[in-house]
C-alpha atoms as a PDB file:
ATOM      1  CA  MET A   1      -5.454   3.239 -29.480  1.00  0.00           C
ATOM      2  CA  MET A   2      -5.037  -0.227 -27.569  1.00  0.00           C
ATOM      3  CA  TYR A   3      -3.432   1.808 -24.560  1.00  0.00           C
ATOM      4  CA  ARG A   4      -6.803   3.973 -24.776  1.00  0.00           C
ATOM      5  CA  LEU A   5      -8.628   0.836 -25.138  1.00  0.00           C
ATOM      6  CA  LEU A   6      -7.397  -0.883 -22.229  1.00  0.00           C
ATOM      7  CA  ARG A   7      -7.241   2.347 -19.772  1.00  0.00           C
ATOM      8  CA  LYS A   8     -10.916   3.933 -20.630  1.00  0.00           C
ATOM      9  CA  ILE A   9     -13.149   0.433 -21.507  1.00  0.00           C
ATOM     10  CA  LEU A  10     -11.652  -2.580 -20.327  1.00  0.00           C
ATOM     11  CA  GLY A  11      -9.668  -1.275 -17.397  1.00  0.00           C
ATOM     12  CA  PRO A  12     -12.568  -1.342 -15.019  1.00  0.00           C
ATOM     13  CA  LEU A  13     -13.431  -4.719 -15.993  1.00  0.00           C
ATOM     14  CA  ILE A  14      -9.598  -6.060 -15.697  1.00  0.00           C
ATOM     15  CA  ALA A  15      -9.104  -4.454 -12.609  1.00  0.00           C
ATOM     16  CA  LEU A  16     -12.541  -6.454 -11.380  1.00  0.00           C
ATOM     17  CA  LYS A  17     -10.851  -9.692 -12.365  1.00  0.00           C
ATOM     18  CA  LEU A  18      -7.513  -8.827 -11.132  1.00  0.00           C
ATOM     19  CA  GLY A  19      -6.262 -11.089  -7.850  1.00  0.00           C
ATOM     20  CA  THR A  20      -2.647 -10.477  -6.675  1.00  0.00           C
ATOM     21  CA  VAL A  21       0.167  -9.226  -8.480  1.00  0.00           C
ATOM     22  CA  THR A  22       3.629 -10.210  -6.923  1.00  0.00           C
ATOM     23  CA  GLY A  23       7.185 -10.248  -8.370  1.00  0.00           C
ATOM     24  CA  ALA A  24       6.562  -6.619  -9.900  1.00  0.00           C
ATOM     25  CA  GLU A  25       9.822  -5.602  -8.800  1.00  0.00           C
ATOM     26  CA  ASN A  26      11.192  -8.057 -11.112  1.00  0.00           C
ATOM     27  CA  LEU A  27      10.514  -6.133 -14.021  1.00  0.00           C
ATOM     28  CA  PRO A  28      12.653  -3.727 -15.641  1.00  0.00           C
ATOM     29  CA  SER A  29      12.714   0.362 -14.591  1.00  0.00           C
ATOM     30  CA  ALA A  30      11.927   1.014 -18.270  1.00  0.00           C
ATOM     31  CA  ALA A  31      11.526  -0.695 -21.496  1.00  0.00           C
ATOM     32  CA  PRO A  32      12.543  -2.251 -23.882  1.00  0.00           C
ATOM     33  CA  PHE A  33      11.663  -5.998 -22.655  1.00  0.00           C
ATOM     34  CA  ILE A  34       9.687  -8.991 -23.388  1.00  0.00           C
ATOM     35  CA  VAL A  35       7.606 -10.611 -21.045  1.00  0.00           C
ATOM     36  CA  ALA A  36       6.619 -14.539 -21.586  1.00  0.00           C
ATOM     37  CA  ALA A  37       3.692 -16.128 -19.609  1.00  0.00           C
ATOM     38  CA  ASN A  38       1.694 -19.171 -19.698  1.00  0.00           C
ATOM     39  CA  HIS A  39      -1.774 -19.231 -21.376  1.00  0.00           C
ATOM     40  CA  VAL A  40      -4.735 -20.475 -19.492  1.00  0.00           C
ATOM     41  CA  GLY A  41      -7.497 -18.392 -20.520  1.00  0.00           C
ATOM     42  CA  PHE A  42      -9.026 -15.457 -22.440  1.00  0.00           C
ATOM     43  CA  LEU A  43      -8.401 -12.794 -20.331  1.00  0.00           C
ATOM     44  CA  ASP A  44      -4.518 -13.731 -20.040  1.00  0.00           C
ATOM     45  CA  GLY A  45      -3.449 -10.690 -22.587  1.00  0.00           C
ATOM     46  CA  PRO A  46      -5.718  -8.103 -21.514  1.00  0.00           C
ATOM     47  CA  ALA A  47      -4.664  -8.591 -17.775  1.00  0.00           C
ATOM     48  CA  LEU A  48      -0.692  -8.526 -18.698  1.00  0.00           C
ATOM     49  CA  SER A  49      -1.078  -5.816 -20.802  1.00  0.00           C
ATOM     50  CA  TYR A  50      -3.070  -3.921 -18.092  1.00  0.00           C
ATOM     51  CA  ILE A  51      -0.977  -4.436 -15.602  1.00  0.00           C
ATOM     52  CA  LEU A  52       2.179  -3.368 -17.771  1.00  0.00           C
ATOM     53  CA  ILE A  53       0.223  -0.222 -19.393  1.00  0.00           C
ATOM     54  CA  ARG A  54      -0.532   0.973 -15.925  1.00  0.00           C
ATOM     55  CA  ARG A  55       2.997   0.612 -14.501  1.00  0.00           C
ATOM     56  CA  PHE A  56       5.050   1.567 -17.879  1.00  0.00           C
ATOM     57  CA  ARG A  57       2.360   4.029 -19.603  1.00  0.00           C
ATOM     58  CA  LYS A  58       3.237   2.312 -23.144  1.00  0.00           C
ATOM     59  CA  ALA A  59       1.623   0.072 -25.618  1.00  0.00           C
ATOM     60  CA  ILE A  60       2.004  -3.536 -25.229  1.00  0.00           C
ATOM     61  CA  SER A  61       2.707  -5.488 -28.567  1.00  0.00           C
ATOM     62  CA  VAL A  62       1.458  -9.064 -28.798  1.00  0.00           C
ATOM     63  CA  PRO A  63       2.209 -12.067 -31.625  1.00  0.00           C
ATOM     64  CA  SER A  64      -1.254 -13.297 -32.364  1.00  0.00           C
ATOM     65  CA  ARG A  65      -2.680 -15.663 -34.697  1.00  0.00           C
ATOM     66  CA  TYR A  66      -3.083 -14.816 -38.229  1.00  0.00           C
ATOM     67  CA  ILE A  67      -6.843 -15.266 -38.409  1.00  0.00           C
ATOM     68  CA  LEU A  68      -7.083 -11.913 -35.909  1.00  0.00           C
ATOM     69  CA  TRP A  69      -5.976 -10.252 -39.057  1.00  0.00           C
ATOM     70  CA  VAL A  70      -8.486 -12.334 -41.489  1.00  0.00           C
ATOM     71  CA  VAL A  71     -11.523 -11.072 -39.095  1.00  0.00           C
ATOM     72  CA  LEU A  72     -10.750  -7.740 -38.175  1.00  0.00           C
ATOM     73  CA  GLY A  73      -8.481  -6.462 -41.028  1.00  0.00           C
ATOM     74  CA  GLY A  74      -4.785  -5.365 -40.209  1.00  0.00           C
ATOM     75  CA  ALA A  75      -5.286  -1.971 -39.279  1.00  0.00           C
ATOM     76  CA  ILE A  76      -7.759  -2.386 -36.430  1.00  0.00           C
ATOM     77  CA  SER A  77      -5.854  -5.868 -35.309  1.00  0.00           C
ATOM     78  CA  ARG A  78      -2.801  -3.594 -35.034  1.00  0.00           C
ATOM     79  CA  SER A  79      -3.759  -0.082 -33.410  1.00  0.00           C
ATOM     80  CA  TRP A  80      -7.161  -1.771 -31.204  1.00  0.00           C
ATOM     81  CA  PHE A  81      -5.119  -4.811 -29.743  1.00  0.00           C
ATOM     82  CA  GLY A  82      -1.594  -4.282 -30.134  1.00  0.00           C
ATOM     83  CA  ALA A  83      -1.434  -7.423 -32.375  1.00  0.00           C
ATOM     84  CA  ILE A  84       1.594  -8.497 -33.957  1.00  0.00           C
ATOM     85  CA  PRO A  85       0.625 -11.209 -37.230  1.00  0.00           C
ATOM     86  CA  ILE A  86       1.654 -14.667 -36.883  1.00  0.00           C
ATOM     87  CA  ASN A  87       1.631 -15.631 -40.763  1.00  0.00           C
ATOM     88  CA  PRO A  88       2.168 -19.483 -40.641  1.00  0.00           C
ATOM     89  CA  LYS A  89       4.100 -19.177 -44.009  1.00  0.00           C
ATOM     90  CA  ARG A  90       5.885 -16.118 -43.121  1.00  0.00           C
ATOM     91  CA  LYS A  91       6.794 -16.435 -39.425  1.00  0.00           C
ATOM     92  CA  ARG A  92      10.286 -14.506 -40.207  1.00  0.00           C
ATOM     93  CA  ASP A  93       8.068 -11.346 -40.514  1.00  0.00           C
ATOM     94  CA  THR A  94       6.732 -11.680 -36.883  1.00  0.00           C
ATOM     95  CA  LEU A  95      10.511 -11.773 -35.498  1.00  0.00           C
ATOM     96  CA  ASP A  96      11.523  -8.854 -37.519  1.00  0.00           C
ATOM     97  CA  GLU A  97       8.535  -6.502 -36.411  1.00  0.00           C
ATOM     98  CA  ALA A  98       9.069  -7.668 -32.706  1.00  0.00           C
ATOM     99  CA  THR A  99      12.599  -6.996 -33.058  1.00  0.00           C
ATOM    100  CA  ALA A 100      11.983  -3.446 -34.562  1.00  0.00           C
ATOM    101  CA  ILE A 101       9.617  -2.688 -31.472  1.00  0.00           C
ATOM    102  CA  ILE A 102      12.287  -3.678 -29.136  1.00  0.00           C
ATOM    103  CA  SER A 103      14.378  -1.555 -31.072  1.00  0.00           C
ATOM    104  CA  ARG A 104      12.299   1.067 -30.679  1.00  0.00           C
ATOM    105  CA  GLY A 105      11.878   0.864 -26.688  1.00  0.00           C
ATOM    106  CA  GLY A 106       8.694  -0.904 -26.666  1.00  0.00           C
ATOM    107  CA  ILE A 107       7.350  -4.309 -24.787  1.00  0.00           C
ATOM    108  CA  VAL A 108       6.536  -7.217 -26.337  1.00  0.00           C
ATOM    109  CA  LEU A 109       4.298 -10.147 -24.441  1.00  0.00           C
ATOM    110  CA  MET A 110       4.585 -13.629 -25.707  1.00  0.00           C
ATOM    111  CA  PHE A 111       2.686 -16.597 -24.948  1.00  0.00           C
ATOM    112  CA  PRO A 112       5.085 -19.493 -25.999  1.00  0.00           C
ATOM    113  CA  GLU A 113       2.554 -22.130 -25.403  1.00  0.00           C
ATOM    114  CA  ALA A 114       0.549 -20.536 -28.319  1.00  0.00           C
ATOM    115  CA  THR A 115      -2.679 -21.518 -27.578  1.00  0.00           C
ATOM    116  CA  ARG A 116      -4.995 -21.543 -23.983  1.00  0.00           C
ATOM    117  CA  ASN A 117      -3.698 -24.599 -21.973  1.00  0.00           C
ATOM    118  CA  ILE A 118      -6.335 -25.675 -19.455  1.00  0.00           C
ATOM    119  CA  ASP A 119      -4.275 -28.817 -18.175  1.00  0.00           C
ATOM    120  CA  PRO A 120      -3.975 -27.853 -14.284  1.00  0.00           C
ATOM    121  CA  SER A 121      -0.507 -29.587 -13.756  1.00  0.00           C
ATOM    122  CA  SER A 122       1.409 -29.269 -17.312  1.00  0.00           C
ATOM    123  CA  LEU A 123       2.798 -26.645 -19.819  1.00  0.00           C
ATOM    124  CA  LEU A 124       2.732 -27.357 -23.411  1.00  0.00           C
ATOM    125  CA  LYS A 125       5.635 -27.552 -25.232  1.00  0.00           C
ATOM    126  CA  GLY A 126       7.062 -23.548 -25.557  1.00  0.00           C
ATOM    127  CA  LYS A 127       7.613 -22.294 -28.945  1.00  0.00           C
ATOM    128  CA  THR A 128      11.281 -20.773 -29.612  1.00  0.00           C
ATOM    129  CA  GLY A 129       9.897 -17.052 -30.364  1.00  0.00           C
ATOM    130  CA  ALA A 130      10.502 -15.582 -27.117  1.00  0.00           C
ATOM    131  CA  ILE A 131      14.255 -16.907 -27.003  1.00  0.00           C
ATOM    132  CA  ARG A 132      15.027 -15.864 -30.931  1.00  0.00           C
ATOM    133  CA  LEU A 133      13.847 -12.310 -29.690  1.00  0.00           C
ATOM    134  CA  ALA A 134      15.611 -11.923 -26.693  1.00  0.00           C
ATOM    135  CA  LEU A 135      19.034 -13.510 -28.671  1.00  0.00           C
ATOM    136  CA  ALA A 136      18.522 -10.922 -31.302  1.00  0.00           C
ATOM    137  CA  THR A 137      17.999  -7.971 -29.349  1.00  0.00           C
ATOM    138  CA  GLY A 138      19.492  -8.449 -26.074  1.00  0.00           C
ATOM    139  CA  ALA A 139      16.268  -7.205 -24.296  1.00  0.00           C
ATOM    140  CA  PRO A 140      15.691  -8.451 -20.787  1.00  0.00           C
ATOM    141  CA  LEU A 141      13.351 -11.590 -21.212  1.00  0.00           C
ATOM    142  CA  ILE A 142      10.924 -11.622 -18.078  1.00  0.00           C
ATOM    143  CA  PRO A 143       9.103 -14.888 -17.193  1.00  0.00           C
ATOM    144  CA  ALA A 144       5.258 -14.571 -15.740  1.00  0.00           C
ATOM    145  CA  GLY A 145       3.062 -16.976 -14.326  1.00  0.00           C
ATOM    146  CA  LEU A 146      -0.663 -16.776 -14.485  1.00  0.00           C
ATOM    147  CA  VAL A 147      -3.036 -18.585 -12.436  1.00  0.00           C
ATOM    148  CA  ASN A 148      -6.388 -17.520 -14.229  1.00  0.00           C
ATOM    149  CA  PRO A 149      -9.695 -19.281 -13.299  1.00  0.00           C
ATOM    150  CA  THR A 150     -11.746 -16.579 -15.040  1.00  0.00           C
ATOM    151  CA  GLY A 151     -12.772 -18.759 -18.279  1.00  0.00           C
ATOM    152  CA  HIS A 152     -10.974 -20.484 -21.072  1.00  0.00           C
ATOM    153  CA  SER A 153     -13.461 -18.727 -23.265  1.00  0.00           C
ATOM    154  CA  PHE A 154     -15.240 -15.361 -23.683  1.00  0.00           C
ATOM    155  CA  LEU A 155     -18.558 -17.183 -22.835  1.00  0.00           C
ATOM    156  CA  THR A 156     -17.055 -18.439 -19.772  1.00  0.00           C
ATOM    157  CA  VAL A 157     -15.598 -15.169 -19.013  1.00  0.00           C
ATOM    158  CA  LEU A 158     -19.033 -13.512 -18.772  1.00  0.00           C
ATOM    159  CA  ALA A 159     -20.166 -16.375 -16.732  1.00  0.00           C
ATOM    160  CA  ASN A 160     -17.635 -15.596 -14.008  1.00  0.00           C
ATOM    161  CA  LEU A 161     -17.650 -11.945 -14.376  1.00  0.00           C
ATOM    162  CA  PHE A 162     -19.087 -11.174 -10.933  1.00  0.00           C
ATOM    163  CA  ARG A 163     -17.676 -14.192  -8.898  1.00  0.00           C
ATOM    164  CA  PRO A 164     -15.155 -12.904  -6.602  1.00  0.00           C
ATOM    165  CA  SER A 165     -13.520 -16.337  -6.476  1.00  0.00           C
ATOM    166  CA  ARG A 166     -12.657 -15.998 -10.097  1.00  0.00           C
ATOM    167  CA  ARG A 167      -9.729 -13.698 -10.196  1.00  0.00           C
ATOM    168  CA  ILE A 168      -6.584 -13.747 -11.843  1.00  0.00           C
ATOM    169  CA  ASP A 169      -3.328 -13.910 -10.067  1.00  0.00           C
ATOM    170  CA  VAL A 170       0.099 -12.748 -11.918  1.00  0.00           C
ATOM    171  CA  ARG A 171       3.765 -13.687 -10.539  1.00  0.00           C
ATOM    172  CA  PHE A 172       6.404 -11.980 -12.222  1.00  0.00           C
ATOM    173  CA  GLY A 173      10.142 -13.662 -11.854  1.00  0.00           C
ATOM    174  CA  PRO A 174      13.377 -12.336 -12.534  1.00  0.00           C
ATOM    175  CA  SER A 175      14.867 -11.991 -15.894  1.00  0.00           C
ATOM    176  CA  VAL A 176      16.221 -15.030 -17.588  1.00  0.00           C
ATOM    177  CA  ASP A 177      19.578 -15.532 -17.902  1.00  0.00           C
ATOM    178  CA  LEU A 178      20.579 -16.194 -21.398  1.00  0.00           C
ATOM    179  CA  ALA A 179      23.985 -15.330 -21.000  1.00  0.00           C
ATOM    180  CA  GLU A 180      25.217 -19.336 -21.503  1.00  0.00           C
ATOM    181  CA  PHE A 181      23.364 -19.070 -25.300  1.00  0.00           C
ATOM    182  CA  ARG A 182      24.557 -16.068 -26.411  1.00  0.00           C
ATOM    183  CA  GLY A 183      27.452 -15.671 -29.112  1.00  0.00           C
ATOM    184  CA  LYS A 184      27.139 -19.200 -30.072  1.00  0.00           C
ATOM    185  CA  PRO A 185      25.347 -20.338 -33.500  1.00  0.00           C
ATOM    186  CA  ILE A 186      21.661 -20.501 -33.014  1.00  0.00           C
ATOM    187  CA  ASP A 187      20.166 -23.920 -33.965  1.00  0.00           C
ATOM    188  CA  LYS A 188      17.714 -26.556 -32.702  1.00  0.00           C
ATOM    189  CA  SER A 189      19.621 -27.569 -29.641  1.00  0.00           C
ATOM    190  CA  LEU A 190      20.434 -24.043 -28.581  1.00  0.00           C
ATOM    191  CA  LEU A 191      16.819 -23.134 -28.655  1.00  0.00           C
ATOM    192  CA  ASP A 192      15.375 -26.422 -27.090  1.00  0.00           C
ATOM    193  CA  ALA A 193      17.555 -25.908 -24.284  1.00  0.00           C
ATOM    194  CA  ALA A 194      17.117 -22.065 -23.860  1.00  0.00           C
ATOM    195  CA  THR A 195      13.218 -22.595 -24.178  1.00  0.00           C
ATOM    196  CA  ARG A 196      13.155 -25.208 -21.894  1.00  0.00           C
ATOM    197  CA  LYS A 197      14.882 -22.718 -19.314  1.00  0.00           C
ATOM    198  CA  LEU A 198      12.400 -20.282 -20.039  1.00  0.00           C
ATOM    199  CA  MET A 199       9.322 -22.523 -19.635  1.00  0.00           C
ATOM    200  CA  SER A 200      10.763 -24.013 -16.475  1.00  0.00           C
ATOM    201  CA  ALA A 201      10.630 -20.735 -14.870  1.00  0.00           C
ATOM    202  CA  VAL A 202       7.590 -19.614 -16.251  1.00  0.00           C
ATOM    203  CA  GLY A 203       6.164 -23.161 -14.796  1.00  0.00           C
ATOM    204  CA  GLN A 204       7.549 -22.716 -11.401  1.00  0.00           C
ATOM    205  CA  LEU A 205       5.619 -19.285 -11.456  1.00  0.00           C
ATOM    206  CA  CYS A 206       2.360 -20.955 -12.352  1.00  0.00           C
ATOM    207  CA  GLY A 207       2.712 -23.953 -10.369  1.00  0.00           C
ATOM    208  CA  LYS A 208       3.094 -26.367 -13.746  1.00  0.00           C
ATOM    209  CA  SER A 209       5.463 -28.880 -14.566  1.00  0.00           C
ATOM    210  CA  TYR A 210       7.637 -28.909 -17.672  1.00  0.00           C
ATOM    211  CA  SER A 211       8.969 -32.198 -19.033  1.00  0.00           C
ATOM    212  CA  HIS A 212       9.897 -31.111 -22.880  1.00  0.00           C
END
């Protein structure tokens, strides 16, 4: 359903707001894989999903706040938006579901900052979910950098809809090499170091520093 929604309904809108897309040669030739990106504006998820759907002809799964389930219900959230619920009380369920999607040859899109960050120079401290998923599955972990001036909220997106200067630039980087972390006990120190490596790669792509 999300595949059809983005291609038939939202596709023309997303295409209108896309600027340059670089580094697409760094994407794997086929799924499964994970994309981890910075989070700036309301259209980040749809823009990245649109790019990946056009290239791979597959639905994209995105871990999303549990409030989406509360507001829209599970069936709509999952089928229309490709959302994987992040239940604060059962975070392990999110990783388990994402792992199952990867095992079936799917694509998982993650935003380690976990919220929209309008700071023009610094990334927020990255959550460890993308690293946990990559270590658990062995799937390639692709960093992406977004420069998105189209709007932090839905209302600002509408206000900037027909402003040609407000377009989303997307940059994909090479897969993050996690070889140094594999086969070791997964503890806080390892997760922090691996997440720092991921977020530094994301920061280089979007022009932001990472100091956590």
